PDB file of N, CA and C in Angstrom:
ATOM      1  N   MET A   1       0.879  -0.953  -0.263  1.00  0.00           N
ATOM      2  CA  MET A   1       0.064   0.024   0.016  1.00  0.00           C
ATOM      3  C   MET A   1       0.881   1.619   0.208  1.00  0.00           C
ATOM      4  N   LEU A   2       1.872   1.279   0.861  1.00  0.00           N
ATOM      5  CA  LEU A   2       2.818   2.204   0.951  1.00  0.00           C
ATOM      6  C   LEU A   2       3.382   2.761  -0.410  1.00  0.00           C
ATOM      7  N   LYS A   3       4.197   1.584  -1.216  1.00  0.00           N
ATOM      8  CA  LYS A   3       4.699   1.578  -2.266  1.00  0.00           C
ATOM      9  C   LYS A   3       3.635   1.908  -3.401  1.00  0.00           C
ATOM     10  N   ALA A   4       2.390   1.638  -3.467  1.00  0.00           N
ATOM     11  CA  ALA A   4       1.309   2.179  -4.418  1.00  0.00           C
ATOM     12  C   ALA A   4       1.535   3.862  -4.064  1.00  0.00           C
ATOM     13  N   MET A   5       1.532   4.143  -3.090  1.00  0.00           N
ATOM     14  CA  MET A   5       1.225   5.334  -2.713  1.00  0.00           C
ATOM     15  C   MET A   5       2.327   6.520  -3.351  1.00  0.00           C
ATOM     16  N   SER A   6       3.415   5.736  -2.691  1.00  0.00           N
ATOM     17  CA  SER A   6       4.616   6.174  -3.498  1.00  0.00           C
ATOM     18  C   SER A   6       4.735   6.399  -5.104  1.00  0.00           C
ATOM     19  N   ASN A   7       4.464   5.195  -5.697  1.00  0.00           N
ATOM     20  CA  ASN A   7       4.079   5.591  -7.040  1.00  0.00           C
ATOM     21  C   ASN A   7       3.160   6.668  -7.312  1.00  0.00           C
ATOM     22  N   LEU A   8       1.986   6.544  -6.966  1.00  0.00           N
ATOM     23  CA  LEU A   8       1.112   7.653  -7.394  1.00  0.00           C
ATOM     24  C   LEU A   8       1.519   8.804  -7.139  1.00  0.00           C
ATOM     25  N   LYS A   9       2.059   9.130  -5.946  1.00  0.00           N
ATOM     26  CA  LYS A   9       2.516  10.571  -5.723  1.00  0.00           C
ATOM     27  C   LYS A   9       3.780  10.878  -6.994  1.00  0.00           C
ATOM     28  N   LYS A  10       4.495   9.825  -7.383  1.00  0.00           N
ATOM     29  CA  LYS A  10       5.511  10.064  -8.652  1.00  0.00           C
ATOM     30  C   LYS A  10       5.188  10.179  -9.424  1.00  0.00           C
ATOM     31  N   ARG A  11       4.079   9.929 -10.174  1.00  0.00           N
ATOM     32  CA  ARG A  11       3.203   9.912 -11.344  1.00  0.00           C
ATOM     33  C   ARG A  11       2.561  11.256 -11.127  1.00  0.00           C
ATOM     34  N   ILE A  12       2.196  12.037 -10.115  1.00  0.00           N
ATOM     35  CA  ILE A  12       1.517  12.757 -10.049  1.00  0.00           C
ATOM     36  C   ILE A  12       2.573  14.463 -10.088  1.00  0.00           C
ATOM     37  N   GLN A  13       3.870  13.913  -9.257  1.00  0.00           N
ATOM     38  CA  GLN A  13       4.700  14.968  -9.572  1.00  0.00           C
ATOM     39  C   GLN A  13       5.115  14.923 -11.185  1.00  0.00           C
ATOM     40  N   SER A  14       5.390  13.741 -11.807  1.00  0.00           N
ATOM     41  CA  SER A  14       5.651  13.869 -13.404  1.00  0.00           C
ATOM     42  C   SER A  14       5.031  14.849 -14.371  1.00  0.00           C
ATOM     43  N   PHE A  15       3.400  15.145 -13.830  1.00  0.00           N
ATOM     44  CA  PHE A  15       2.207  15.641 -14.387  1.00  0.00           C
ATOM     45  C   PHE A  15       2.561  17.009 -14.113  1.00  0.00           C
ATOM     46  N   LYS A  16       3.436  17.175 -12.713  1.00  0.00           N
ATOM     47  CA  LYS A  16       3.688  18.607 -12.530  1.00  0.00           C
ATOM     48  C   LYS A  16       4.461  19.250 -13.513  1.00  0.00           C
ATOM     49  N   HIS A  17       5.847  18.189 -13.285  1.00  0.00           N
ATOM     50  CA  HIS A  17       6.900  18.664 -14.698  1.00  0.00           C
ATOM     51  C   HIS A  17       6.310  19.291 -15.483  1.00  0.00           C
ATOM     52  N   ALA A  18       5.442  18.269 -16.300  1.00  0.00           N
ATOM     53  CA  ALA A  18       5.122  18.312 -17.553  1.00  0.00           C
ATOM     54  C   ALA A  18       4.253  19.741 -18.011  1.00  0.00           C
ATOM     55  N   PHE A  19       3.284  19.991 -16.864  1.00  0.00           N
ATOM     56  CA  PHE A  19       2.428  21.398 -17.120  1.00  0.00           C
ATOM     57  C   PHE A  19       3.615  22.464 -16.783  1.00  0.00           C
ATOM     58  N   ARG A  20       4.511  22.451 -16.038  1.00  0.00           N
ATOM     59  CA  ARG A  20       5.434  23.386 -15.784  1.00  0.00           C
ATOM     60  C   ARG A  20       6.166  23.409 -17.263  1.00  0.00           C
ATOM     61  N   GLY A  21       6.475  22.409 -18.041  1.00  0.00           N
ATOM     62  CA  GLY A  21       7.365  22.462 -19.135  1.00  0.00           C
ATOM     63  C   GLY A  21       6.318  23.314 -20.553  1.00  0.00           C
ATOM     64  N   ILE A  22       4.942  23.107 -20.176  1.00  0.00           N
ATOM     65  CA  ILE A  22       4.009  23.632 -20.827  1.00  0.00           C
ATOM     66  C   ILE A  22       3.985  25.288 -20.700  1.00  0.00           C
ATOM     67  N   HIS A  23       4.257  25.471 -19.361  1.00  0.00           N
ATOM     68  CA  HIS A  23       3.996  26.887 -19.036  1.00  0.00           C
ATOM     69  C   HIS A  23       5.176  27.391 -19.675  1.00  0.00           C
ATOM     70  N   THR A  24       6.566  26.565 -19.399  1.00  0.00           N
ATOM     71  CA  THR A  24       7.989  27.437 -19.911  1.00  0.00           C
ATOM     72  C   THR A  24       7.798  27.397 -21.195  1.00  0.00           C
ATOM     73  N   LEU A  25       7.260  27.024 -22.144  1.00  0.00           N
ATOM     74  CA  LEU A  25       6.888  26.912 -23.710  1.00  0.00           C
ATOM     75  C   LEU A  25       6.600  28.067 -24.138  1.00  0.00           C
ATOM     76  N   PHE A  26       5.349  28.076 -23.516  1.00  0.00           N
ATOM     77  CA  PHE A  26       4.649  29.571 -23.901  1.00  0.00           C
ATOM     78  C   PHE A  26       5.035  30.771 -23.103  1.00  0.00           C
ATOM     79  N   ARG A  27       5.662  30.793 -22.279  1.00  0.00           N
ATOM     80  CA  ARG A  27       6.255  31.841 -21.660  1.00  0.00           C
ATOM     81  C   ARG A  27       7.769  32.252 -22.047  1.00  0.00           C
ATOM     82  N   GLU A  28       8.361  31.163 -22.980  1.00  0.00           N
ATOM     83  CA  GLU A  28       9.739  31.688 -23.235  1.00  0.00           C
ATOM     84  C   GLU A  28       9.620  31.393 -25.036  1.00  0.00           C
ATOM     85  N   THR A  29       8.916  31.150 -25.637  1.00  0.00           N
ATOM     86  CA  THR A  29       8.959  30.797 -26.924  1.00  0.00           C
ATOM     87  C   THR A  29       7.560  31.257 -27.886  1.00  0.00           C
ATOM     88  N   PRO A  30       8.233  32.485 -28.543  1.00  0.00           N
ATOM     89  CA  PRO A  30       7.533  33.157 -29.122  1.00  0.00           C
ATOM     90  C   PRO A  30       6.350  32.491 -30.150  1.00  0.00           C
ATOM     91  N   ASN A  31       7.630  31.422 -30.805  1.00  0.00           N
ATOM     92  CA  ASN A  31       6.788  30.374 -32.084  1.00  0.00           C
ATOM     93  C   ASN A  31       5.618  30.215 -31.573  1.00  0.00           C
ATOM     94  N   ALA A  32       5.604  29.617 -30.284  1.00  0.00           N
ATOM     95  CA  ALA A  32       4.199  28.545 -29.600  1.00  0.00           C
ATOM     96  C   ALA A  32       3.262  29.647 -29.481  1.00  0.00           C
ATOM     97  N   TRP A  33       3.173  30.771 -29.378  1.00  0.00           N
ATOM     98  CA  TRP A  33       2.016  31.865 -29.348  1.00  0.00           C
ATOM     99  C   TRP A  33       1.313  31.691 -30.957  1.00  0.00           C
ATOM    100  N   ILE A  34       2.567  31.820 -31.936  1.00  0.00           N
ATOM    101  CA  ILE A  34       1.997  31.871 -33.369  1.00  0.00           C
ATOM    102  C   ILE A  34       0.993  30.609 -33.476  1.00  0.00           C
ATOM    103  N   GLN A  35       1.633  29.467 -33.240  1.00  0.00           N
ATOM    104  CA  GLN A  35       1.090  28.033 -33.210  1.00  0.00           C
ATOM    105  C   GLN A  35      -0.359  28.060 -32.246  1.00  0.00           C
ATOM    106  N   LEU A  36      -0.081  28.282 -31.394  1.00  0.00           N
ATOM    107  CA  LEU A  36      -1.531  29.022 -30.549  1.00  0.00           C
ATOM    108  C   LEU A  36      -2.548  29.641 -31.276  1.00  0.00           C
ATOM    109  N   ALA A  37      -1.974  30.640 -31.782  1.00  0.00           N
ATOM    110  CA  ALA A  37      -3.182  31.465 -32.687  1.00  0.00           C
ATOM    111  C   ALA A  37      -3.604  30.640 -34.067  1.00  0.00           C
ATOM    112  N   ALA A  38      -3.069  30.182 -34.377  1.00  0.00           N
ATOM    113  CA  ALA A  38      -3.106  29.157 -35.684  1.00  0.00           C
ATOM    114  C   ALA A  38      -4.273  27.806 -35.238  1.00  0.00           C
ATOM    115  N   THR A  39      -3.842  27.165 -34.119  1.00  0.00           N
ATOM    116  CA  THR A  39      -4.690  26.423 -33.224  1.00  0.00           C
ATOM    117  C   THR A  39      -6.132  26.669 -32.825  1.00  0.00           C
ATOM    118  N   VAL A  40      -6.292  28.323 -32.399  1.00  0.00           N
ATOM    119  CA  VAL A  40      -7.608  28.626 -31.930  1.00  0.00           C
ATOM    120  C   VAL A  40      -8.368  28.865 -33.649  1.00  0.00           C
ATOM    121  N   LEU A  41      -7.728  29.349 -34.632  1.00  0.00           N
ATOM    122  CA  LEU A  41      -8.222  29.684 -35.847  1.00  0.00           C
ATOM    123  C   LEU A  41      -8.849  28.420 -36.505  1.00  0.00           C
ATOM    124  N   MET A  42      -8.027  27.648 -36.400  1.00  0.00           N
ATOM    125  CA  MET A  42      -8.430  26.150 -36.780  1.00  0.00           C
ATOM    126  C   MET A  42      -9.687  25.911 -36.181  1.00  0.00           C
ATOM    127  N   ILE A  43      -9.679  25.573 -34.921  1.00  0.00           N
ATOM    128  CA  ILE A  43     -10.792  25.352 -33.991  1.00  0.00           C
ATOM    129  C   ILE A  43     -12.083  25.905 -34.150  1.00  0.00           C
ATOM    130  N   LEU A  44     -12.100  27.476 -34.599  1.00  0.00           N
ATOM    131  CA  LEU A  44     -12.694  28.307 -35.125  1.00  0.00           C
ATOM    132  C   LEU A  44     -13.566  27.855 -36.366  1.00  0.00           C
ATOM    133  N   LEU A  45     -12.695  28.061 -37.069  1.00  0.00           N
ATOM    134  CA  LEU A  45     -12.910  27.602 -38.743  1.00  0.00           C
ATOM    135  C   LEU A  45     -13.920  26.048 -38.681  1.00  0.00           C
ATOM    136  N   GLY A  46     -13.288  25.098 -37.665  1.00  0.00           N
ATOM    137  CA  GLY A  46     -13.605  23.554 -37.719  1.00  0.00           C
ATOM    138  C   GLY A  46     -15.109  23.657 -36.869  1.00  0.00           C
ATOM    139  N   VAL A  47     -15.649  24.580 -36.452  1.00  0.00           N
ATOM    140  CA  VAL A  47     -16.630  24.623 -35.377  1.00  0.00           C
ATOM    141  C   VAL A  47     -17.614  25.339 -36.500  1.00  0.00           C
ATOM    142  N   LEU A  48     -17.178  26.204 -37.271  1.00  0.00           N
ATOM    143  CA  LEU A  48     -17.992  27.062 -38.325  1.00  0.00           C
ATOM    144  C   LEU A  48     -18.354  26.089 -39.104  1.00  0.00           C
ATOM    145  N   PHE A  49     -17.295  25.216 -39.651  1.00  0.00           N
ATOM    146  CA  PHE A  49     -17.836  24.230 -41.119  1.00  0.00           C
ATOM    147  C   PHE A  49     -18.199  23.056 -40.584  1.00  0.00           C
ATOM    148  N   ARG A  50     -18.334  22.658 -39.010  1.00  0.00           N
ATOM    149  CA  ARG A  50     -18.949  21.647 -38.937  1.00  0.00           C
ATOM    150  C   ARG A  50     -18.267  20.227 -39.027  1.00  0.00           C
ATOM    151  N   LEU A  51     -16.706  20.308 -39.033  1.00  0.00           N
ATOM    152  CA  LEU A  51     -15.831  18.990 -39.623  1.00  0.00           C
ATOM    153  C   LEU A  51     -16.276  17.727 -39.100  1.00  0.00           C
ATOM    154  N   SER A  52     -16.288  16.936 -39.619  1.00  0.00           N
ATOM    155  CA  SER A  52     -16.534  15.341 -38.982  1.00  0.00           C
ATOM    156  C   SER A  52     -15.429  15.119 -38.058  1.00  0.00           C
ATOM    157  N   PRO A  53     -15.760  13.711 -37.317  1.00  0.00           N
ATOM    158  CA  PRO A  53     -15.089  13.432 -36.532  1.00  0.00           C
ATOM    159  C   PRO A  53     -13.459  12.895 -37.015  1.00  0.00           C
ATOM    160  N   GLY A  54     -13.697  12.465 -38.125  1.00  0.00           N
ATOM    161  CA  GLY A  54     -12.360  12.040 -39.136  1.00  0.00           C
ATOM    162  C   GLY A  54     -11.762  13.177 -39.026  1.00  0.00           C
ATOM    163  N   GLU A  55     -12.162  14.641 -39.693  1.00  0.00           N
ATOM    164  CA  GLU A  55     -11.216  15.402 -39.822  1.00  0.00           C
ATOM    165  C   GLU A  55     -10.720  16.121 -38.373  1.00  0.00           C
ATOM    166  N   TRP A  56     -11.645  16.198 -37.511  1.00  0.00           N
ATOM    167  CA  TRP A  56     -10.950  16.575 -36.286  1.00  0.00           C
ATOM    168  C   TRP A  56      -9.727  15.708 -35.775  1.00  0.00           C
ATOM    169  N   LEU A  57     -10.261  14.557 -36.136  1.00  0.00           N
ATOM    170  CA  LEU A  57      -9.047  13.738 -35.449  1.00  0.00           C
ATOM    171  C   LEU A  57      -7.567  14.015 -36.178  1.00  0.00           C
ATOM    172  N   VAL A  58      -7.735  14.119 -37.656  1.00  0.00           N
ATOM    173  CA  VAL A  58      -6.476  14.526 -38.001  1.00  0.00           C
ATOM    174  C   VAL A  58      -5.808  15.786 -37.787  1.00  0.00           C
ATOM    175  N   LEU A  59      -6.766  16.751 -37.632  1.00  0.00           N
ATOM    176  CA  LEU A  59      -6.224  18.201 -37.219  1.00  0.00           C
ATOM    177  C   LEU A  59      -5.606  17.782 -35.543  1.00  0.00           C
ATOM    178  N   VAL A  60      -6.393  17.326 -34.963  1.00  0.00           N
ATOM    179  CA  VAL A  60      -5.773  17.330 -33.547  1.00  0.00           C
ATOM    180  C   VAL A  60      -4.303  16.329 -33.533  1.00  0.00           C
ATOM    181  N   ILE A  61      -4.185  15.766 -34.548  1.00  0.00           N
ATOM    182  CA  ILE A  61      -2.912  14.919 -34.503  1.00  0.00           C
ATOM    183  C   ILE A  61      -1.646  15.790 -35.116  1.00  0.00           C
ATOM    184  N   VAL A  62      -2.320  16.588 -36.062  1.00  0.00           N
ATOM    185  CA  VAL A  62      -0.932  17.055 -36.840  1.00  0.00           C
ATOM    186  C   VAL A  62      -0.828  18.639 -35.657  1.00  0.00           C
ATOM    187  N   THR A  63      -1.673  18.879 -35.201  1.00  0.00           N
ATOM    188  CA  THR A  63      -1.230  19.951 -34.220  1.00  0.00           C
ATOM    189  C   THR A  63      -0.882  19.618 -32.833  1.00  0.00           C
ATOM    190  N   GLY A  64      -0.993  18.260 -32.381  1.00  0.00           N
ATOM    191  CA  GLY A  64      -0.131  18.000 -31.296  1.00  0.00           C
ATOM    192  C   GLY A  64       1.072  17.612 -31.982  1.00  0.00           C
ATOM    193  N   ALA A  65       1.373  17.229 -32.844  1.00  0.00           N
ATOM    194  CA  ALA A  65       2.962  17.112 -33.409  1.00  0.00           C
ATOM    195  C   ALA A  65       3.516  18.196 -33.630  1.00  0.00           C
ATOM    196  N   VAL A  66       2.939  19.111 -33.926  1.00  0.00           N
ATOM    197  CA  VAL A  66       3.585  20.796 -33.996  1.00  0.00           C
ATOM    198  C   VAL A  66       4.189  21.517 -32.830  1.00  0.00           C
ATOM    199  N   PHE A  67       3.266  21.217 -31.680  1.00  0.00           N
ATOM    200  CA  PHE A  67       3.377  21.592 -30.253  1.00  0.00           C
ATOM    201  C   PHE A  67       4.466  20.664 -29.621  1.00  0.00           C
ATOM    202  N   SER A  68       4.275  19.515 -30.049  1.00  0.00           N
ATOM    203  CA  SER A  68       5.588  18.407 -29.629  1.00  0.00           C
ATOM    204  C   SER A  68       6.970  18.887 -29.958  1.00  0.00           C
ATOM    205  N   MET A  69       7.033  18.876 -31.364  1.00  0.00           N
ATOM    206  CA  MET A  69       8.376  19.272 -31.829  1.00  0.00           C
ATOM    207  C   MET A  69       8.648  20.478 -31.674  1.00  0.00           C
ATOM    208  N   GLU A  70       8.070  21.734 -31.301  1.00  0.00           N
ATOM    209  CA  GLU A  70       8.318  22.965 -30.764  1.00  0.00           C
ATOM    210  C   GLU A  70       8.981  22.811 -29.153  1.00  0.00           C
ATOM    211  N   ALA A  71       8.150  21.770 -28.797  1.00  0.00           N
ATOM    212  CA  ALA A  71       8.559  21.469 -27.086  1.00  0.00           C
ATOM    213  C   ALA A  71      10.184  20.931 -27.326  1.00  0.00           C
ATOM    214  N   LEU A  72       9.881  19.989 -27.772  1.00  0.00           N
ATOM    215  CA  LEU A  72      11.456  18.946 -28.040  1.00  0.00           C
ATOM    216  C   LEU A  72      12.334  19.789 -28.767  1.00  0.00           C
ATOM    217  N   ASN A  73      12.198  20.799 -29.628  1.00  0.00           N
ATOM    218  CA  ASN A  73      13.159  21.898 -30.412  1.00  0.00           C
ATOM    219  C   ASN A  73      13.703  22.735 -29.310  1.00  0.00           C
ATOM    220  N   THR A  74      12.754  23.362 -28.656  1.00  0.00           N
ATOM    221  CA  THR A  74      13.126  24.347 -27.199  1.00  0.00           C
ATOM    222  C   THR A  74      14.391  23.426 -26.465  1.00  0.00           C
ATOM    223  N   ALA A  75      13.672  22.479 -26.085  1.00  0.00           N
ATOM    224  CA  ALA A  75      14.121  22.077 -24.901  1.00  0.00           C
ATOM    225  C   ALA A  75      15.976  21.653 -25.408  1.00  0.00           C
ATOM    226  N   LEU A  76      15.941  21.037 -26.957  1.00  0.00           N
ATOM    227  CA  LEU A  76      17.205  20.910 -27.409  1.00  0.00           C
ATOM    228  C   LEU A  76      18.033  22.133 -27.247  1.00  0.00           C
ATOM    229  N   GLU A  77      17.601  23.376 -27.754  1.00  0.00           N
ATOM    230  CA  GLU A  77      17.972  24.628 -27.854  1.00  0.00           C
ATOM    231  C   GLU A  77      18.794  24.887 -26.612  1.00  0.00           C
ATOM    232  N   ARG A  78      17.734  25.160 -25.147  1.00  0.00           N
ATOM    233  CA  ARG A  78      18.204  25.012 -23.983  1.00  0.00           C
ATOM    234  C   ARG A  78      19.402  24.563 -23.525  1.00  0.00           C
ATOM    235  N   LEU A  79      19.430  23.047 -23.612  1.00  0.00           N
ATOM    236  CA  LEU A  79      20.428  22.286 -23.568  1.00  0.00           C
ATOM    237  C   LEU A  79      21.736  22.350 -24.412  1.00  0.00           C
ATOM    238  N   SER A  80      21.573  22.772 -25.295  1.00  0.00           N
ATOM    239  CA  SER A  80      22.837  22.871 -26.078  1.00  0.00           C
ATOM    240  C   SER A  80      23.443  24.161 -25.825  1.00  0.00           C
ATOM    241  N   ASP A  81      22.467  25.271 -25.546  1.00  0.00           N
ATOM    242  CA  ASP A  81      23.176  26.267 -25.050  1.00  0.00           C
ATOM    243  C   ASP A  81      23.775  26.159 -23.553  1.00  0.00           C
ATOM    244  N   TYR A  82      23.197  25.573 -22.894  1.00  0.00           N
ATOM    245  CA  TYR A  82      23.828  25.374 -21.594  1.00  0.00           C
ATOM    246  C   TYR A  82      25.240  24.561 -21.839  1.00  0.00           C
ATOM    247  N   THR A  83      25.201  23.329 -22.412  1.00  0.00           N
ATOM    248  CA  THR A  83      26.171  22.473 -22.448  1.00  0.00           C
ATOM    249  C   THR A  83      27.605  23.307 -23.326  1.00  0.00           C
ATOM    250  N   CYS A  84      27.436  24.437 -24.151  1.00  0.00           N
ATOM    251  CA  CYS A  84      27.981  24.977 -24.845  1.00  0.00           C
ATOM    252  C   CYS A  84      28.494  26.440 -24.601  1.00  0.00           C
ATOM    253  N   ASN A  85      27.839  26.687 -23.601  1.00  0.00           N
ATOM    254  CA  ASN A  85      27.904  27.923 -22.630  1.00  0.00           C
ATOM    255  C   ASN A  85      27.445  29.150 -24.012  1.00  0.00           C
ATOM    256  N   LYS A  86      26.640  28.883 -24.835  1.00  0.00           N
ATOM    257  CA  LYS A  86      26.473  29.787 -26.022  1.00  0.00           C
ATOM    258  C   LYS A  86      27.439  29.804 -27.353  1.00  0.00           C
ATOM    259  N   GLU A  87      28.595  28.885 -27.004  1.00  0.00           N
ATOM    260  CA  GLU A  87      29.482  29.105 -28.200  1.00  0.00           C
ATOM    261  C   GLU A  87      29.199  28.343 -29.357  1.00  0.00           C
ATOM    262  N   ILE A  88      29.203  28.496 -30.348  1.00  0.00           N
ATOM    263  CA  ILE A  88      28.924  28.051 -31.343  1.00  0.00           C
ATOM    264  C   ILE A  88      29.362  26.982 -32.144  1.00  0.00           C
ATOM    265  N   HIS A  89      29.339  25.715 -31.758  1.00  0.00           N
ATOM    266  CA  HIS A  89      30.143  24.137 -32.180  1.00  0.00           C
ATOM    267  C   HIS A  89      29.434  23.717 -33.166  1.00  0.00           C
ATOM    268  N   PRO A  90      29.824  23.960 -34.378  1.00  0.00           N
ATOM    269  CA  PRO A  90      29.429  23.542 -35.580  1.00  0.00           C
ATOM    270  C   PRO A  90      28.537  22.058 -35.574  1.00  0.00           C
ATOM    271  N   LEU A  91      28.760  21.103 -34.749  1.00  0.00           N
ATOM    272  CA  LEU A  91      27.790  19.798 -34.453  1.00  0.00           C
ATOM    273  C   LEU A  91      26.737  20.418 -33.741  1.00  0.00           C
ATOM    274  N   VAL A  92      26.337  21.033 -32.586  1.00  0.00           N
ATOM    275  CA  VAL A  92      25.359  21.756 -32.101  1.00  0.00           C
ATOM    276  C   VAL A  92      24.712  22.442 -32.772  1.00  0.00           C
ATOM    277  N   LYS A  93      25.450  23.051 -33.851  1.00  0.00           N
ATOM    278  CA  LYS A  93      24.316  24.152 -34.917  1.00  0.00           C
ATOM    279  C   LYS A  93      23.647  23.282 -35.450  1.00  0.00           C
ATOM    280  N   LYS A  94      24.303  22.107 -35.953  1.00  0.00           N
ATOM    281  CA  LYS A  94      23.464  21.159 -37.339  1.00  0.00           C
ATOM    282  C   LYS A  94      22.340  20.251 -36.139  1.00  0.00           C
ATOM    283  N   ALA A  95      22.610  19.972 -34.610  1.00  0.00           N
ATOM    284  CA  ALA A  95      21.699  19.563 -34.372  1.00  0.00           C
ATOM    285  C   ALA A  95      20.566  20.428 -33.668  1.00  0.00           C
ATOM    286  N   LYS A  96      20.662  21.639 -33.710  1.00  0.00           N
ATOM    287  CA  LYS A  96      20.060  22.784 -33.377  1.00  0.00           C
ATOM    288  C   LYS A  96      19.061  22.888 -34.579  1.00  0.00           C
ATOM    289  N   ASP A  97      19.772  22.930 -36.258  1.00  0.00           N
ATOM    290  CA  ASP A  97      19.201  23.323 -36.860  1.00  0.00           C
ATOM    291  C   ASP A  97      18.012  22.089 -37.700  1.00  0.00           C
ATOM    292  N   LEU A  98      18.870  20.872 -37.115  1.00  0.00           N
ATOM    293  CA  LEU A  98      17.934  19.618 -37.456  1.00  0.00           C
ATOM    294  C   LEU A  98      16.559  19.758 -36.735  1.00  0.00           C
ATOM    295  N   ALA A  99      16.824  20.035 -35.537  1.00  0.00           N
ATOM    296  CA  ALA A  99      15.683  20.004 -34.645  1.00  0.00           C
ATOM    297  C   ALA A  99      14.726  21.319 -35.027  1.00  0.00           C
ATOM    298  N   ALA A 100      14.947  22.221 -35.607  1.00  0.00           N
ATOM    299  CA  ALA A 100      14.311  23.371 -36.332  1.00  0.00           C
ATOM    300  C   ALA A 100      13.608  22.972 -37.416  1.00  0.00           C
ATOM    301  N   ALA A 101      14.311  21.922 -38.167  1.00  0.00           N
ATOM    302  CA  ALA A 101      13.791  21.469 -39.136  1.00  0.00           C
ATOM    303  C   ALA A 101      12.585  20.645 -39.035  1.00  0.00           C
ATOM    304  N   GLY A 102      12.751  19.664 -38.002  1.00  0.00           N
ATOM    305  CA  GLY A 102      11.713  18.972 -37.469  1.00  0.00           C
ATOM    306  C   GLY A 102      10.244  19.866 -36.926  1.00  0.00           C
ATOM    307  N   VAL A 103      10.119  20.955 -36.716  1.00  0.00           N
ATOM    308  CA  VAL A 103       9.354  22.050 -36.151  1.00  0.00           C
ATOM    309  C   VAL A 103       8.580  22.410 -37.392  1.00  0.00           C
ATOM    310  N   LEU A 104       9.563  22.442 -38.346  1.00  0.00           N
ATOM    311  CA  LEU A 104       9.027  23.439 -39.582  1.00  0.00           C
ATOM    312  C   LEU A 104       8.361  22.361 -40.490  1.00  0.00           C
ATOM    313  N   ILE A 105       8.923  20.932 -40.455  1.00  0.00           N
ATOM    314  CA  ILE A 105       8.335  20.113 -40.997  1.00  0.00           C
ATOM    315  C   ILE A 105       6.804  19.661 -40.700  1.00  0.00           C
ATOM    316  N   ALA A 106       6.811  19.530 -39.156  1.00  0.00           N
ATOM    317  CA  ALA A 106       5.508  19.285 -38.705  1.00  0.00           C
ATOM    318  C   ALA A 106       4.315  20.573 -38.909  1.00  0.00           C
ATOM    319  N   ALA A 107       5.022  21.546 -38.838  1.00  0.00           N
ATOM    320  CA  ALA A 107       4.073  22.527 -39.162  1.00  0.00           C
ATOM    321  C   ALA A 107       3.710  22.755 -40.809  1.00  0.00           C
ATOM    322  N   LEU A 108       4.689  22.248 -41.607  1.00  0.00           N
ATOM    323  CA  LEU A 108       4.197  22.428 -42.830  1.00  0.00           C
ATOM    324  C   LEU A 108       2.966  21.140 -43.270  1.00  0.00           C
ATOM    325  N   THR A 109       3.399  20.318 -42.522  1.00  0.00           N
ATOM    326  CA  THR A 109       2.324  19.273 -42.773  1.00  0.00           C
ATOM    327  C   THR A 109       1.064  19.484 -42.318  1.00  0.00           C
ATOM    328  N   ALA A 110       0.974  19.940 -40.967  1.00  0.00           N
ATOM    329  CA  ALA A 110      -0.134  20.586 -40.533  1.00  0.00           C
ATOM    330  C   ALA A 110      -1.100  21.626 -41.238  1.00  0.00           C
ATOM    331  N   LEU A 111      -0.257  22.581 -42.124  1.00  0.00           N
ATOM    332  CA  LEU A 111      -0.614  23.625 -42.859  1.00  0.00           C
ATOM    333  C   LEU A 111      -1.354  22.673 -44.260  1.00  0.00           C
ATOM    334  N   ILE A 112      -0.763  21.698 -44.606  1.00  0.00           N
ATOM    335  CA  ILE A 112      -1.118  21.350 -46.009  1.00  0.00           C
ATOM    336  C   ILE A 112      -2.495  20.489 -45.788  1.00  0.00           C
ATOM    337  N   VAL A 113      -2.432  19.801 -44.139  1.00  0.00           N
ATOM    338  CA  VAL A 113      -3.834  19.045 -43.754  1.00  0.00           C
ATOM    339  C   VAL A 113      -4.865  19.984 -43.954  1.00  0.00           C
ATOM    340  N   GLY A 114      -4.243  21.065 -43.168  1.00  0.00           N
ATOM    341  CA  GLY A 114      -5.695  22.174 -43.188  1.00  0.00           C
ATOM    342  C   GLY A 114      -6.252  22.494 -44.290  1.00  0.00           C
ATOM    343  N   VAL A 115      -5.493  23.069 -45.079  1.00  0.00           N
ATOM    344  CA  VAL A 115      -5.632  23.313 -46.596  1.00  0.00           C
ATOM    345  C   VAL A 115      -6.600  22.487 -47.357  1.00  0.00           C
ATOM    346  N   ILE A 116      -6.045  20.984 -47.172  1.00  0.00           N
ATOM    347  CA  ILE A 116      -6.689  19.864 -47.699  1.00  0.00           C
ATOM    348  C   ILE A 116      -8.272  19.955 -46.999  1.00  0.00           C
ATOM    349  N   ILE A 117      -8.156  20.207 -45.765  1.00  0.00           N
ATOM    350  CA  ILE A 117      -9.669  20.215 -45.035  1.00  0.00           C
ATOM    351  C   ILE A 117     -10.471  21.211 -45.479  1.00  0.00           C
ATOM    352  N   PHE A 118      -9.833  22.358 -45.528  1.00  0.00           N
ATOM    353  CA  PHE A 118     -10.673  23.458 -45.489  1.00  0.00           C
ATOM    354  C   PHE A 118     -11.094  24.331 -46.286  1.00  0.00           C
ATOM    355  N   PHE A 119     -10.009  24.058 -47.680  1.00  0.00           N
ATOM    356  CA  PHE A 119     -10.160  24.750 -48.865  1.00  0.00           C
ATOM    357  C   PHE A 119     -11.574  24.603 -49.532  1.00  0.00           C
ATOM    358  N   PRO A 120     -11.880  23.270 -49.714  1.00  0.00           N
ATOM    359  CA  PRO A 120     -12.970  22.933 -50.301  1.00  0.00           C
ATOM    360  C   PRO A 120     -14.093  23.646 -49.693  1.00  0.00           C
ATOM    361  N   LYS A 121     -14.445  23.469 -48.153  1.00  0.00           N
ATOM    362  CA  LYS A 121     -15.239  24.098 -47.500  1.00  0.00           C
ATOM    363  C   LYS A 121     -15.619  25.426 -47.699  1.00  0.00           C
ATOM    364  N   ILE A 122     -14.511  26.338 -47.875  1.00  0.00           N
ATOM    365  CA  ILE A 122     -14.061  27.849 -48.147  1.00  0.00           C
ATOM    366  C   ILE A 122     -14.378  28.333 -49.571  1.00  0.00           C
ATOM    367  N   PHE A 123     -14.052  27.265 -50.278  1.00  0.00           N
ATOM    368  CA  PHE A 123     -14.248  27.929 -51.595  1.00  0.00           C
ATOM    369  C   PHE A 123     -15.195  26.820 -52.520  1.00  0.00           C
TER     370      PHE A 123
END
């Protein structure tokens, strides 16, 4: 019983860390605010055009991918800056560029999905 309570406490603590990370993401990453604005617009358009459950599912998945990639990119940038004392090492630069590319790929994919879903409804 005591071990189960300890495990539950650890799980709750891990959620607290994750929510702190989300707070940090929006406090320190301007691109996250742009992505949030796009998400709000997507939700409003989705409600307006009465999207099907399948359309919502696809939009939720690609939106989650964008925010996840942004969080991972930001984490990698912070860790890289810390370990290199903000000096630009060629391998660290490549790693940061690749992480940024991951965000861009996810965002472009979300944009393409949005166009495929909303374009026929708008025009």
